Protein backbone atom coordinates (compact mmCIF):
# COMPACT_ATOMS: atom_id res chain seq x y z
CA UNK A 1 -3.38 -7.67 -47.41
CA UNK A 2 -6.87 -9.31 -47.51
CA UNK A 3 -9.80 -7.41 -45.91
CA UNK A 4 -12.37 -9.75 -43.94
CA UNK A 5 -14.30 -10.54 -47.10
CA UNK A 6 -11.56 -12.17 -48.77
CA UNK A 7 -9.93 -14.22 -46.11
CA UNK A 8 -11.53 -17.61 -44.96
CA UNK A 9 -10.02 -18.86 -41.57
CA UNK A 10 -10.16 -22.53 -40.51
CA UNK A 11 -9.76 -23.79 -37.23
CA UNK A 12 -8.32 -27.42 -37.13
CA UNK A 13 -9.37 -29.14 -33.96
CA UNK A 14 -11.70 -25.94 -33.40
CA UNK A 15 -14.54 -28.03 -31.85
CA UNK A 16 -13.22 -27.13 -28.24
CA UNK A 17 -14.18 -24.42 -26.05
CA UNK A 18 -11.19 -22.31 -27.33
CA UNK A 19 -11.35 -23.13 -30.76
CA UNK A 20 -15.06 -22.61 -30.81
CA UNK A 21 -14.91 -19.20 -29.17
CA UNK A 22 -12.05 -17.73 -30.95
CA UNK A 23 -14.03 -18.79 -34.65
CA UNK A 24 -16.97 -17.06 -33.37
CA UNK A 25 -15.15 -14.14 -32.15
CA UNK A 26 -13.42 -13.99 -35.76
CA UNK A 27 -16.79 -14.34 -37.58
CA UNK A 28 -18.32 -11.49 -35.34
CA UNK A 29 -15.77 -8.84 -36.89
CA UNK A 30 -16.27 -10.17 -40.55
CA UNK A 31 -14.27 -13.25 -41.33
CA UNK A 32 -15.64 -16.26 -42.84
CA UNK A 33 -14.57 -19.17 -40.26
CA UNK A 34 -14.74 -22.91 -40.53
CA UNK A 35 -14.77 -24.88 -37.02
CA UNK A 36 -12.65 -28.21 -37.91
CA UNK A 37 -12.90 -31.33 -36.15
CA UNK A 38 -11.95 -35.13 -36.59
CA UNK A 39 -15.73 -35.69 -36.57
CA UNK A 40 -17.80 -33.02 -38.78
CA UNK A 41 -20.59 -33.60 -36.26
CA UNK A 42 -18.22 -32.54 -33.46
CA UNK A 43 -17.94 -29.39 -35.36
CA UNK A 44 -21.43 -29.00 -36.27
CA UNK A 45 -22.49 -29.26 -32.65
CA UNK A 46 -19.76 -26.54 -31.37
CA UNK A 47 -21.01 -24.40 -34.54
CA UNK A 48 -24.88 -24.79 -33.43
CA UNK A 49 -23.87 -23.90 -29.93
CA UNK A 50 -22.50 -20.71 -30.97
CA UNK A 51 -25.35 -19.94 -33.51
CA UNK A 52 -27.65 -20.57 -30.76
CA UNK A 53 -26.41 -17.81 -28.70
CA UNK A 54 -25.21 -15.27 -31.33
CA UNK A 55 -27.76 -16.15 -34.48
CA UNK A 56 -26.18 -13.14 -36.28
CA UNK A 57 -23.18 -15.52 -37.06
CA UNK A 58 -25.26 -18.11 -39.34
CA UNK A 59 -23.68 -16.91 -42.59
CA UNK A 60 -20.03 -16.37 -41.42
CA UNK A 61 -19.36 -19.47 -39.13
CA UNK A 62 -19.27 -22.63 -40.68
CA UNK A 63 -18.07 -26.17 -39.72
CA UNK A 64 -16.68 -29.36 -41.29
CA UNK A 65 -13.73 -31.84 -40.60
CA UNK A 66 -10.35 -30.73 -40.32
CA UNK A 67 -9.44 -31.16 -44.08
CA UNK A 68 -12.37 -28.60 -44.90
CA UNK A 69 -10.65 -26.26 -42.23
CA UNK A 70 -7.21 -26.92 -43.70
CA UNK A 71 -8.50 -25.90 -46.94
CA UNK A 72 -9.12 -22.27 -45.69
CA UNK A 73 -6.91 -19.39 -46.56
CA UNK A 74 -5.39 -18.92 -43.18
CA UNK A 75 -5.47 -22.08 -40.68
CA UNK A 76 -5.45 -21.84 -36.88
CA UNK A 77 -3.98 -24.99 -34.89
CA UNK A 78 -6.66 -25.40 -32.17
CA UNK A 79 -6.00 -28.89 -30.76
CA UNK A 80 -4.37 -29.89 -27.59
CA UNK A 81 -0.91 -28.81 -27.66
CA UNK A 82 0.52 -32.54 -27.52
CA UNK A 83 -1.10 -33.11 -30.91
CA UNK A 84 -0.50 -29.81 -32.56
CA UNK A 85 2.38 -30.95 -34.89
CA UNK A 86 1.10 -34.40 -35.69
CA UNK A 87 -2.38 -33.00 -36.39
CA UNK A 88 -0.96 -30.50 -38.60
CA UNK A 89 1.39 -32.84 -40.40
CA UNK A 90 -1.86 -35.01 -41.46
CA UNK A 91 -3.07 -31.98 -43.67
CA UNK A 92 0.55 -30.99 -44.86
CA UNK A 93 -0.20 -30.59 -48.49
CA UNK A 94 -3.21 -28.42 -47.68
CA UNK A 95 -1.30 -26.11 -45.79
CA UNK A 96 1.82 -25.48 -47.98
CA UNK A 97 2.66 -21.81 -48.20
CA UNK A 98 -0.23 -20.98 -45.63
CA UNK A 99 0.04 -18.78 -42.73
CA UNK A 100 -0.56 -21.71 -40.02
CA UNK A 101 -1.36 -20.09 -36.36
CA UNK A 102 -0.32 -22.12 -33.29
CA UNK A 103 -2.14 -21.23 -30.31
CA UNK A 104 -1.43 -23.90 -27.92
CA UNK A 105 0.21 -23.81 -24.59
CA UNK A 106 2.44 -26.78 -23.03
CA UNK A 107 1.24 -27.10 -19.25
CA UNK A 108 0.52 -29.46 -16.87
CA UNK A 109 -0.96 -29.32 -13.32
CA UNK A 110 1.24 -30.32 -10.32
CA UNK A 111 -0.89 -30.23 -7.24
CA UNK A 112 -2.39 -26.56 -6.94
CA UNK A 113 0.14 -25.03 -9.33
CA UNK A 114 0.29 -24.83 -12.93
CA UNK A 115 3.65 -25.58 -15.00
CA UNK A 116 5.07 -25.20 -18.26
CA UNK A 117 6.35 -28.34 -20.07
CA UNK A 118 9.23 -27.82 -22.61
CA UNK A 119 8.09 -29.46 -25.85
CA UNK A 120 10.42 -30.65 -28.90
CA UNK A 121 11.95 -27.43 -30.31
CA UNK A 122 11.45 -25.68 -27.05
CA UNK A 123 7.73 -24.46 -27.91
CA UNK A 124 4.61 -25.87 -29.45
CA UNK A 125 4.89 -23.49 -32.10
CA UNK A 126 8.36 -24.28 -33.09
CA UNK A 127 7.58 -27.82 -32.98
CA UNK A 128 4.79 -27.11 -35.49
CA UNK A 129 7.17 -25.35 -37.91
CA UNK A 130 9.73 -28.10 -37.85
CA UNK A 131 6.76 -30.69 -38.83
CA UNK A 132 5.58 -28.05 -41.46
CA UNK A 133 8.70 -26.26 -42.90
CA UNK A 134 6.60 -25.15 -45.78
CA UNK A 135 4.12 -23.58 -43.76
CA UNK A 136 4.35 -19.88 -42.52
CA UNK A 137 4.08 -20.71 -38.66
CA UNK A 138 3.08 -17.63 -36.42
CA UNK A 139 2.38 -18.03 -32.52
CA UNK A 140 -0.58 -16.21 -30.99
CA UNK A 141 -3.64 -16.03 -29.14
CA UNK A 142 -2.04 -18.01 -26.18
CA UNK A 143 -3.38 -15.56 -23.54
CA UNK A 144 -6.97 -15.04 -24.36
CA UNK A 145 -9.41 -16.47 -21.90
CA UNK A 146 -12.07 -18.91 -23.68
CA UNK A 147 -14.62 -17.75 -21.61
CA UNK A 148 -14.43 -14.10 -22.51
CA UNK A 149 -13.58 -15.03 -26.22
CA UNK A 150 -17.25 -16.28 -26.51
CA UNK A 151 -18.88 -13.52 -24.97
CA UNK A 152 -19.18 -11.36 -28.04
CA UNK A 153 -20.78 -8.42 -27.21
CA UNK A 154 -18.02 -7.44 -24.85
CA UNK A 155 -14.57 -6.35 -25.52
CA UNK A 156 -11.36 -8.32 -24.59
CA UNK A 157 -8.93 -5.94 -22.78
CA UNK A 158 -5.54 -7.82 -23.83
CA UNK A 159 -2.64 -7.26 -25.46
CA UNK A 160 -1.92 -10.15 -27.94
CA UNK A 161 1.89 -11.13 -28.15
CA UNK A 162 2.43 -12.58 -31.56
CA UNK A 163 5.99 -14.15 -33.05
CA UNK A 164 7.08 -16.03 -35.98
CA UNK A 165 9.87 -15.90 -38.57
CA UNK A 166 8.03 -14.56 -41.53
CA UNK A 167 7.25 -10.95 -41.18
CA UNK A 168 4.37 -10.99 -43.56
CA UNK A 169 2.70 -13.58 -41.95
CA UNK A 170 3.22 -11.71 -38.29
CA UNK A 171 1.68 -8.89 -40.36
CA UNK A 172 -1.45 -10.66 -41.45
CA UNK A 173 -2.23 -12.19 -38.05
CA UNK A 174 -1.90 -8.70 -36.22
CA UNK A 175 -4.30 -7.23 -39.04
CA UNK A 176 -6.74 -9.98 -37.61
CA UNK A 177 -6.07 -9.34 -34.09
CA UNK A 178 -6.25 -5.68 -34.46
CA UNK A 179 -9.89 -6.24 -35.30
CA UNK A 180 -11.17 -7.98 -32.09
CA UNK A 181 -12.45 -5.16 -29.70
CA UNK A 182 -10.37 -4.45 -26.96
CA UNK A 183 -7.07 -6.35 -28.38
CA UNK A 184 -3.94 -4.99 -29.44
CA UNK A 185 -1.42 -6.83 -31.12
CA UNK A 186 2.38 -6.89 -30.48
CA UNK A 187 4.97 -8.02 -32.57
CA UNK A 188 7.02 -10.06 -30.11
CA UNK A 189 9.72 -10.90 -32.58
CA UNK A 190 10.97 -14.21 -33.87
CA UNK A 191 9.41 -17.89 -33.41
CA UNK A 192 11.91 -18.79 -30.76
CA UNK A 193 10.11 -16.18 -28.28
CA UNK A 194 7.14 -18.50 -28.57
CA UNK A 195 9.27 -20.36 -25.73
CA UNK A 196 8.56 -17.59 -23.26
CA UNK A 197 5.15 -16.75 -24.51
CA UNK A 198 3.78 -20.26 -24.16
CA UNK A 199 5.16 -21.08 -20.87
CA UNK A 200 3.74 -17.34 -19.23
CA UNK A 201 0.50 -18.87 -19.42
CA UNK A 202 1.35 -20.93 -16.45
CA UNK A 203 1.43 -17.99 -14.47
CA UNK A 204 -1.59 -16.14 -15.67
CA UNK A 205 -3.34 -19.48 -15.01
CA UNK A 206 -2.09 -19.54 -11.56
CA UNK A 207 -3.30 -15.91 -10.95
CA UNK A 208 -6.58 -16.85 -12.02
CA UNK A 209 -6.81 -19.50 -9.25
CA UNK A 210 -5.29 -17.47 -6.61
CA UNK A 211 -7.40 -14.26 -7.27
CA UNK A 212 -10.56 -16.18 -8.66
CA UNK A 213 -10.71 -14.13 -11.77
CA UNK A 214 -9.55 -14.47 -15.36
CA UNK A 215 -6.23 -12.42 -16.15
CA UNK A 216 -4.95 -10.94 -19.31
CA UNK A 217 -1.85 -9.18 -20.18
CA UNK A 218 -1.75 -5.87 -20.77
CA UNK A 219 1.77 -4.12 -21.23
CA UNK A 220 2.39 -0.43 -20.31
CA UNK A 221 4.80 1.74 -22.23
CA UNK A 222 3.83 0.92 -25.60
CA UNK A 223 2.02 4.10 -26.89
CA UNK A 224 1.73 3.07 -30.30
CA UNK A 225 2.17 -0.44 -31.23
CA UNK A 226 2.16 0.46 -35.25
CA UNK A 227 5.55 2.62 -35.02
CA UNK A 228 7.26 -1.04 -33.89
CA UNK A 229 8.97 -1.15 -37.67
């Protein structure tokens, strides 16, 4: 298993709030990260905003176009949900054989309510896997609030549900999640379970609105997640 110093993480479409915050958070625990975007200048702006608040990340947090992000060892698709599969497909050759993390949720707001949508194949993650059969798709990071991700001095008190059809890929992502202070990685099974994980985000967002807070899932009854296997 790679340690922090050996793994470079790219974020395709990572110039948005969630992608740039995740990149900064992963850099803060020692991973070299590249924020990617269709425009490297947008990626540079996102990276500069993160560095302005956290100058200690200057040597670990980089930027580039999406191709530069796709060239990294492990790649996160941080685009909007409806472009995740098509954007990944553009870099299919670079992403062959790599762990490809899908973090998007297919949601729509109808009046005051958030409602989940059903993408092709049942989930965004499964749609990405169908488009990228030679990549090792893992679903993760769906429920981490972007604002809290960006508060690098504070732990995130949350479980992170992770699922995928490649056990080694799930193990790799779990190891990364476990380095984020306050986060507990939980193996949630095969990629088919991404349907329920993604849809549950609508419930969390509705709780945020109703109780004027930012909630994150924390499951009881699992004393030692390392004993799952």
